[in-house]
Amino acid sequence: MQRLIILTLSILLNSIFVIASPFSFSFDEMTGEATLLSVDKTLSKTAIIPDSVENKGRWYVVTKIAKQAFAKSGKMETVQLPSKLKKIGAVAFAECSKLKTIVIPEGVEVIPHHCFYLCTSLESVTLPSTLKSIEHDAFIACRSLQTIHIPNSVTKIGSWAFGENIALESVDFQAGNNGLSIEDHAFDRSGLKTLTIPSFVKFLGEYVFNGCRSLKSVVIEADFDTLPKMTFHGCEEMMDVMLKGKMNAIAYGAFSDCKNLEVITLPTTLKEIGVNAFDGCKYLTTINLQDLSSLQSIGETAFSGCEEIERITLPSGIKKIEDGTFMRCHSLIEITGENVESEAEFSFYDCPKLKTKKFAK
């Protein structure tokens, strides 16, 4: 009987400990470090993770947060992370729907995939100068985040990292970066209004700014061999684009359905304009094709639906006009190309005002 009472008391004491502390940890006796494993999902509005925790008379420094540790903590609005934190697990804060602000401490090098997925109330994020990588989907669908500062230590922004951030109006890239890669869909359907792609961006994936409907002004300072597929597709409010860097090609649909784009000056290094590159740029009136002495190819439907263009002068390198390249250019009156030798059947389909074509004989 005495043994049963002692055992029962032990269980009760352990139960009281679990209820009293919202955190559970694992301990590494070799390194003296602790990992936060999980939290009580009814955690209060403010969570303060201690810098160190005691276990069996020894103190351990908290350096890691395990995978999914805070996921779906529905009441938490702010969290203070331990100062010696080194690693955050994947999905660690996913679906913390009321989380409003977080500061990632110095020492953390990676924001893992889906770390803050669907943190719909998250307004403020401070990233450390030690950060190297923001992994895929890290901040996807953080629909209250308005601005983000990317430290110059970051070398990678993964696919969909800031996708569907509909309130994200600006991204600030710190100067002095030695090389940054931005992967597919990284800012897809975000709320960006202005954008500068700095010269240290060495790789840009496909669809990176796809569907950024509020984006009005873009400056590209970086050199790219090719502006990738669908980079700015559906950026309906975009009016002003400055391409300051060198560029050999514009890929499929890169500026398609940018309905309010009126004027664009393409780099003189350009050799190829891809299929559908400017398709649906309804109000485009001015484009400097005549200045592109290196241009050798304009793809099918590249300028389809550019309804306001009236006159086009093609550079000497263009010898053939592909199928549908200028179809539905309803205001097109005149096109000139001194070396054009052939045109496809539907090159100028539905161009009712086209009266003058001056091509090679």
Protein backbone atom coordinates (compact mmCIF):
# COMPACT_ATOMS: atom_id res chain seq x y z
CA MET A 1 0.00 0.00 0.00
CA GLN A 2 2.81 2.45 0.89
CA ARG A 3 4.49 1.72 -2.44
CA LEU A 4 1.21 2.39 -4.30
CA ILE A 5 0.79 5.74 -2.52
CA ILE A 6 4.36 6.78 -3.40
CA LEU A 7 3.82 5.79 -7.06
CA THR A 8 0.54 7.70 -7.23
CA LEU A 9 2.17 10.79 -5.67
CA SER A 10 4.98 10.59 -8.22
CA ILE A 11 2.50 10.54 -11.11
CA LEU A 12 0.63 13.52 -9.67
CA LEU A 13 3.82 15.53 -9.22
CA ASN A 14 4.81 14.82 -12.81
CA SER A 15 1.38 15.89 -14.00
CA ILE A 16 1.63 19.15 -12.06
CA PHE A 17 5.05 19.84 -13.69
CA VAL A 18 3.61 19.38 -17.21
CA ILE A 19 0.71 21.72 -16.51
CA ALA A 20 2.89 24.36 -14.83
CA SER A 21 5.34 24.64 -17.77
CA PRO A 22 4.09 25.18 -21.35
CA PHE A 23 7.36 23.84 -22.82
CA SER A 24 8.95 20.41 -23.09
CA PHE A 25 12.63 19.90 -23.86
CA SER A 26 15.19 17.27 -24.76
CA PHE A 27 18.76 17.51 -23.47
CA ASP A 28 22.15 16.72 -24.97
CA GLU A 29 24.56 15.89 -22.17
CA MET A 30 27.57 15.98 -24.52
CA THR A 31 27.03 19.54 -25.74
CA GLY A 32 25.07 20.96 -22.83
CA GLU A 33 22.36 22.11 -25.25
CA ALA A 34 18.58 21.79 -25.09
CA THR A 35 15.97 21.47 -27.83
CA LEU A 36 12.46 22.80 -27.37
CA LEU A 37 10.28 19.90 -28.50
CA SER A 38 6.72 21.11 -28.08
CA VAL A 39 4.47 23.63 -26.36
CA ASP A 40 1.05 23.66 -24.82
CA LYS A 41 -1.23 24.69 -27.72
CA THR A 42 -3.31 26.84 -25.33
CA LEU A 43 -0.24 28.99 -24.72
CA SER A 44 -1.06 32.57 -23.67
CA LYS A 45 -0.65 35.64 -25.89
CA THR A 46 3.04 36.10 -25.07
CA ALA A 47 5.49 33.19 -25.07
CA ILE A 48 8.98 33.68 -23.64
CA ILE A 49 11.34 30.80 -24.29
CA PRO A 50 14.07 30.77 -21.65
CA ASP A 51 17.72 31.06 -22.68
CA SER A 52 18.57 28.05 -20.55
CA VAL A 53 16.70 25.33 -18.65
CA GLU A 54 17.60 23.12 -15.68
CA ASN A 55 17.41 19.35 -15.79
CA LYS A 56 18.57 17.10 -12.91
CA GLY A 57 20.66 19.85 -11.41
CA ARG A 58 22.39 20.87 -14.67
CA TRP A 59 21.65 23.90 -16.83
CA TYR A 60 21.33 23.54 -20.60
CA VAL A 61 21.46 26.33 -23.21
CA VAL A 62 18.41 26.34 -25.51
CA THR A 63 19.79 26.29 -29.07
CA LYS A 64 17.12 24.49 -31.12
CA ILE A 65 13.39 24.51 -31.77
CA ALA A 66 12.07 21.21 -33.06
CA LYS A 67 9.91 20.59 -36.09
CA GLN A 68 6.27 21.71 -35.59
CA ALA A 69 7.01 22.81 -32.01
CA PHE A 70 4.63 25.80 -32.05
CA ALA A 71 2.41 24.75 -34.96
CA LYS A 72 -1.24 25.74 -34.54
CA SER A 73 -0.69 27.62 -31.28
CA GLY A 74 -3.91 29.53 -31.73
CA LYS A 75 -3.63 32.12 -28.94
CA MET A 76 0.02 33.19 -29.19
CA GLU A 77 0.55 36.76 -30.50
CA THR A 78 4.23 37.29 -29.72
CA VAL A 79 7.14 35.01 -28.97
CA GLN A 80 10.56 35.79 -27.57
CA LEU A 81 13.15 33.35 -28.87
CA PRO A 82 16.23 32.36 -26.84
CA SER A 83 19.31 34.49 -27.50
CA LYS A 84 21.57 31.51 -28.29
CA LEU A 85 19.19 29.91 -30.76
CA LYS A 86 20.94 28.24 -33.71
CA LYS A 87 18.32 26.17 -35.47
CA ILE A 88 14.57 26.27 -36.09
CA GLY A 89 12.81 23.16 -37.33
CA ALA A 90 10.54 22.98 -40.36
CA VAL A 91 6.89 23.98 -39.87
CA ALA A 92 7.85 25.23 -36.39
CA PHE A 93 5.37 28.15 -36.28
CA ALA A 94 2.97 27.09 -39.04
CA GLU A 95 -0.66 28.15 -38.66
CA CYS A 96 -0.05 30.31 -35.59
CA SER A 97 -2.98 32.39 -36.75
CA LYS A 98 -2.65 35.19 -34.17
CA LEU A 99 1.13 35.57 -34.18
CA LYS A 100 1.85 39.24 -34.97
CA THR A 101 5.58 39.79 -34.54
CA ILE A 102 8.81 37.85 -34.27
CA VAL A 103 12.53 38.64 -34.06
CA ILE A 104 14.87 35.88 -35.23
CA PRO A 105 18.04 36.11 -33.10
CA GLU A 106 21.60 36.34 -34.39
CA GLY A 107 23.10 32.91 -34.99
CA VAL A 108 20.20 31.43 -36.95
CA GLU A 109 21.30 30.62 -40.52
CA VAL A 110 18.21 29.03 -42.06
CA ILE A 111 14.47 29.75 -42.02
CA PRO A 112 13.22 26.25 -42.94
CA HIS A 113 10.39 25.28 -45.22
CA HIS A 114 6.85 26.17 -44.10
CA CYS A 115 8.26 27.68 -40.91
CA PHE A 116 5.64 30.45 -40.79
CA TYR A 117 3.14 28.99 -43.21
CA LEU A 118 -0.31 30.55 -42.91
CA CYS A 119 0.61 32.90 -40.05
CA THR A 120 -2.14 35.17 -41.30
CA SER A 121 -1.72 37.88 -38.61
CA LEU A 122 2.06 38.16 -38.86
CA GLU A 123 2.91 41.84 -39.42
CA SER A 124 6.57 42.18 -38.49
CA VAL A 125 9.59 39.91 -39.01
CA THR A 126 13.18 40.81 -38.15
CA LEU A 127 15.81 38.61 -39.79
CA PRO A 128 19.37 38.28 -38.42
CA SER A 129 22.62 39.21 -40.14
CA THR A 130 23.70 35.57 -39.88
CA LEU A 131 20.86 34.31 -42.09
CA LYS A 132 21.92 32.46 -45.24
CA SER A 133 18.80 30.82 -46.60
CA ILE A 134 15.03 31.33 -46.60
CA GLU A 135 13.70 27.96 -47.68
CA HIS A 136 10.69 27.16 -49.85
CA ASP A 137 7.27 28.20 -48.53
CA ALA A 138 8.88 29.69 -45.40
CA PHE A 139 6.46 32.63 -45.19
CA ILE A 140 3.80 31.55 -47.66
CA ALA A 141 0.33 33.02 -47.07
CA CYS A 142 1.49 35.44 -44.35
CA ARG A 143 -1.25 37.78 -45.47
CA SER A 144 -0.59 40.65 -43.02
CA LEU A 145 3.16 41.03 -43.59
CA GLN A 146 3.74 44.46 -45.18
CA THR A 147 7.51 44.73 -45.63
CA ILE A 148 10.58 42.55 -45.35
CA HIS A 149 14.28 43.41 -45.09
CA ILE A 150 16.60 40.80 -46.61
CA PRO A 151 20.07 40.91 -44.98
CA ASN A 152 23.10 40.85 -47.29
CA SER A 153 24.11 37.48 -45.83
CA VAL A 154 21.18 35.74 -47.54
CA THR A 155 22.18 33.72 -50.63
CA LYS A 156 18.87 31.99 -51.32
CA ILE A 157 15.17 32.81 -51.29
CA GLY A 158 13.35 29.55 -51.98
CA SER A 159 10.31 28.88 -54.12
CA TRP A 160 7.07 30.37 -52.80
CA ALA A 161 9.00 31.77 -49.81
CA PHE A 162 6.83 34.90 -49.76
CA GLY A 163 4.09 33.70 -52.09
CA GLU A 164 0.54 34.90 -51.47
CA ASN A 165 1.70 37.67 -49.11
CA ILE A 166 -1.07 39.94 -50.33
CA ALA A 167 -0.17 42.83 -47.98
CA LEU A 168 3.56 42.75 -48.76
CA GLU A 169 4.14 46.12 -50.42
CA SER A 170 7.93 46.22 -50.49
CA VAL A 171 11.03 44.07 -50.15
CA ASP A 172 14.33 45.68 -49.23
CA PHE A 173 17.54 43.93 -50.27
CA GLN A 174 20.50 45.08 -48.16
CA ALA A 175 23.48 46.25 -50.22
CA GLY A 176 26.76 44.34 -50.16
CA ASN A 177 25.41 40.88 -50.98
CA ASN A 178 27.89 38.60 -52.80
CA GLY A 179 25.25 36.72 -54.76
CA LEU A 180 21.55 36.02 -54.29
CA SER A 181 19.34 33.39 -55.92
CA ILE A 182 15.57 33.91 -56.03
CA GLU A 183 13.73 30.73 -56.94
CA ASP A 184 10.47 29.98 -58.78
CA HIS A 185 7.32 31.74 -57.54
CA ALA A 186 9.21 33.33 -54.61
CA PHE A 187 6.91 36.38 -54.52
CA ASP A 188 4.04 34.96 -56.57
CA ARG A 189 0.77 36.85 -55.99
CA SER A 190 2.26 39.12 -53.35
CA GLY A 191 1.15 42.73 -52.85
CA LEU A 192 4.36 44.38 -54.02
CA LYS A 193 3.94 47.94 -55.33
CA THR A 194 7.53 48.83 -56.22
CA LEU A 195 10.53 46.62 -56.85
CA THR A 196 14.24 46.91 -57.50
CA ILE A 197 16.13 43.76 -58.45
CA PRO A 198 19.70 44.68 -57.47
CA SER A 199 22.83 43.84 -59.43
CA PHE A 200 23.88 41.09 -57.00
CA VAL A 201 20.91 38.89 -57.91
CA LYS A 202 22.64 36.14 -59.90
CA PHE A 203 19.71 33.81 -60.47
CA LEU A 204 16.02 34.45 -60.99
CA GLY A 205 13.57 31.57 -61.29
CA GLU A 206 10.35 31.34 -63.26
CA TYR A 207 7.08 33.00 -62.22
CA VAL A 208 8.90 34.90 -59.42
CA PHE A 209 6.56 37.92 -59.52
CA ASN A 210 3.66 36.26 -61.28
CA GLY A 211 0.28 37.78 -60.48
CA CYS A 212 1.60 40.72 -58.44
CA ARG A 213 -1.38 42.80 -59.47
CA SER A 214 -0.44 45.91 -57.45
CA LEU A 215 3.11 46.14 -58.80
CA LYS A 216 3.49 49.48 -60.58
CA SER A 217 7.20 50.18 -60.91
CA VAL A 218 10.14 47.83 -61.58
CA VAL A 219 13.86 48.47 -61.91
CA ILE A 220 16.10 45.57 -62.93
CA GLU A 221 19.76 46.35 -62.24
CA ALA A 222 20.98 42.75 -62.51
CA ASP A 223 22.44 41.13 -65.61
CA PHE A 224 20.56 38.04 -66.80
CA ASP A 225 21.23 35.83 -69.77
CA THR A 226 17.46 35.33 -69.93
CA LEU A 227 14.60 37.04 -68.13
CA PRO A 228 12.77 33.85 -67.15
CA LYS A 229 9.43 32.46 -68.14
CA MET A 230 6.38 34.36 -66.84
CA THR A 231 8.47 36.57 -64.53
CA PHE A 232 5.93 39.40 -64.44
CA HIS A 233 2.90 37.71 -65.93
CA GLY A 234 -0.36 39.27 -64.81
CA CYS A 235 1.17 42.34 -63.15
CA GLU A 236 -1.83 44.31 -64.32
CA GLU A 237 -0.95 47.70 -62.77
CA MET A 238 2.68 47.79 -63.90
CA MET A 239 3.35 50.96 -65.86
CA ASP A 240 7.06 51.64 -65.51
CA VAL A 241 9.89 49.17 -66.21
CA MET A 242 13.59 50.04 -66.35
CA LEU A 243 15.92 47.31 -67.61
CA LYS A 244 19.35 48.62 -66.63
CA GLY A 245 21.26 45.33 -66.76
CA LYS A 246 22.42 43.29 -69.72
CA MET A 247 20.04 40.70 -71.13
CA ASN A 248 20.23 38.31 -74.08
CA ALA A 249 16.68 36.97 -74.10
CA ILE A 250 13.19 37.51 -72.74
CA ALA A 251 11.52 34.15 -72.19
CA TYR A 252 7.97 32.93 -72.69
CA GLY A 253 5.30 35.26 -71.32
CA ALA A 254 7.70 37.29 -69.19
CA PHE A 255 5.54 40.46 -69.44
CA SER A 256 2.30 38.89 -70.65
CA ASP A 257 -0.96 40.43 -69.46
CA CYS A 258 0.76 43.52 -68.04
CA LYS A 259 -2.23 45.47 -69.25
CA ASN A 260 -1.17 48.95 -68.12
CA LEU A 261 2.42 48.82 -69.35
CA GLU A 262 2.76 51.73 -71.77
CA VAL A 263 6.46 52.14 -72.49
CA ILE A 264 9.44 49.82 -72.17
CA THR A 265 13.03 50.32 -73.26
CA LEU A 266 14.70 46.99 -73.92
CA PRO A 267 18.47 46.49 -73.47
CA THR A 268 20.49 46.77 -76.68
CA THR A 269 22.15 43.44 -75.92
CA LEU A 270 18.85 41.61 -76.52
CA LYS A 271 18.99 38.80 -79.09
CA GLU A 272 15.66 37.06 -78.61
CA ILE A 273 12.10 37.96 -77.61
CA GLY A 274 10.25 34.78 -76.70
CA VAL A 275 6.78 33.46 -77.42
CA ASN A 276 4.01 35.47 -75.74
CA ALA A 277 6.60 37.79 -74.18
CA PHE A 278 4.33 40.87 -74.31
CA ASP A 279 1.05 39.17 -75.14
CA GLY A 280 -1.90 41.11 -73.75
CA CYS A 281 0.01 44.32 -72.99
CA LYS A 282 -3.06 46.21 -74.08
CA TYR A 283 -1.79 49.77 -73.59
CA LEU A 284 1.79 49.33 -74.76
CA THR A 285 2.47 52.17 -77.18
CA THR A 286 6.25 52.45 -77.39
CA ILE A 287 8.98 49.83 -77.64
CA ASN A 288 12.45 50.43 -79.05
CA LEU A 289 12.77 47.45 -81.40
CA GLN A 290 14.55 49.57 -84.01
CA ASP A 291 17.48 50.11 -81.59
CA LEU A 292 18.12 46.41 -80.99
CA SER A 293 20.85 45.68 -83.52
CA SER A 294 21.53 42.26 -81.96
CA LEU A 295 17.91 41.09 -82.08
CA GLN A 296 17.53 38.00 -84.25
CA SER A 297 14.23 36.44 -83.23
CA ILE A 298 10.73 37.49 -82.15
CA GLY A 299 8.55 34.57 -81.10
CA GLU A 300 4.98 33.66 -81.95
CA THR A 301 2.30 35.95 -80.43
CA ALA A 302 5.09 37.97 -78.77
CA PHE A 303 3.12 41.22 -79.21
CA SER A 304 -0.35 39.78 -79.63
CA GLY A 305 -3.06 42.00 -78.18
CA CYS A 306 -0.88 45.11 -77.94
CA GLU A 307 -3.82 47.18 -79.07
CA GLU A 308 -2.29 50.68 -78.89
CA ILE A 309 0.92 50.24 -80.89
CA GLU A 310 0.68 52.24 -84.12
CA ARG A 311 4.09 51.92 -85.78
CA ILE A 312 6.84 49.32 -85.59
CA THR A 313 10.31 49.37 -87.09
CA LEU A 314 12.08 46.03 -86.96
CA PRO A 315 15.88 45.82 -86.71
CA SER A 316 17.98 44.35 -89.52
CA GLY A 317 18.41 40.99 -87.78
CA ILE A 318 14.73 40.08 -88.13
CA LYS A 319 14.18 38.12 -91.33
CA LYS A 320 10.95 36.32 -90.52
CA ILE A 321 7.75 37.27 -88.72
CA GLU A 322 6.28 34.30 -86.88
CA ASP A 323 2.68 33.17 -86.60
CA GLY A 324 0.54 35.60 -84.62
CA THR A 325 3.47 37.82 -83.59
CA PHE A 326 1.45 41.02 -84.06
CA MET A 327 -2.10 39.71 -84.18
CA ARG A 328 -4.84 41.78 -82.55
CA CYS A 329 -2.70 44.92 -82.70
CA HIS A 330 -5.82 46.92 -83.47
CA SER A 331 -4.11 50.30 -83.85
CA LEU A 332 -1.15 49.15 -85.93
CA ILE A 333 -0.89 51.31 -89.04
CA GLU A 334 2.63 50.69 -90.31
CA ILE A 335 5.40 48.13 -89.94
CA THR A 336 8.83 48.32 -91.51
CA GLY A 337 11.56 45.69 -91.71
CA GLU A 338 14.28 46.14 -94.28
CA ASN A 339 15.49 42.52 -94.08
CA VAL A 340 12.18 40.73 -93.49
CA GLU A 341 11.91 37.98 -96.09
CA SER A 342 8.76 36.17 -94.96
CA GLU A 343 5.75 36.31 -92.70
CA ALA A 344 3.49 33.57 -91.36
CA GLU A 345 -0.16 33.31 -92.35
CA PHE A 346 -1.53 34.84 -89.15
CA SER A 347 1.32 37.23 -88.30
CA PHE A 348 -1.02 40.22 -88.55
CA TYR A 349 -4.39 38.57 -87.94
CA ASP A 350 -7.05 41.05 -86.78
CA CYS A 351 -4.99 44.17 -87.47
CA PRO A 352 -7.77 46.15 -89.20
CA LYS A 353 -5.83 49.43 -89.57
CA LEU A 354 -2.62 48.00 -91.01
CA LYS A 355 -2.12 49.69 -94.39
CA THR A 356 1.65 49.76 -94.86
CA LYS A 357 4.16 46.91 -94.74
CA LYS A 358 7.64 47.78 -95.97
CA PHE A 359 9.68 44.59 -96.20
CA ALA A 360 12.60 43.28 -98.25
CA LYS A 361 11.74 42.45 -101.83
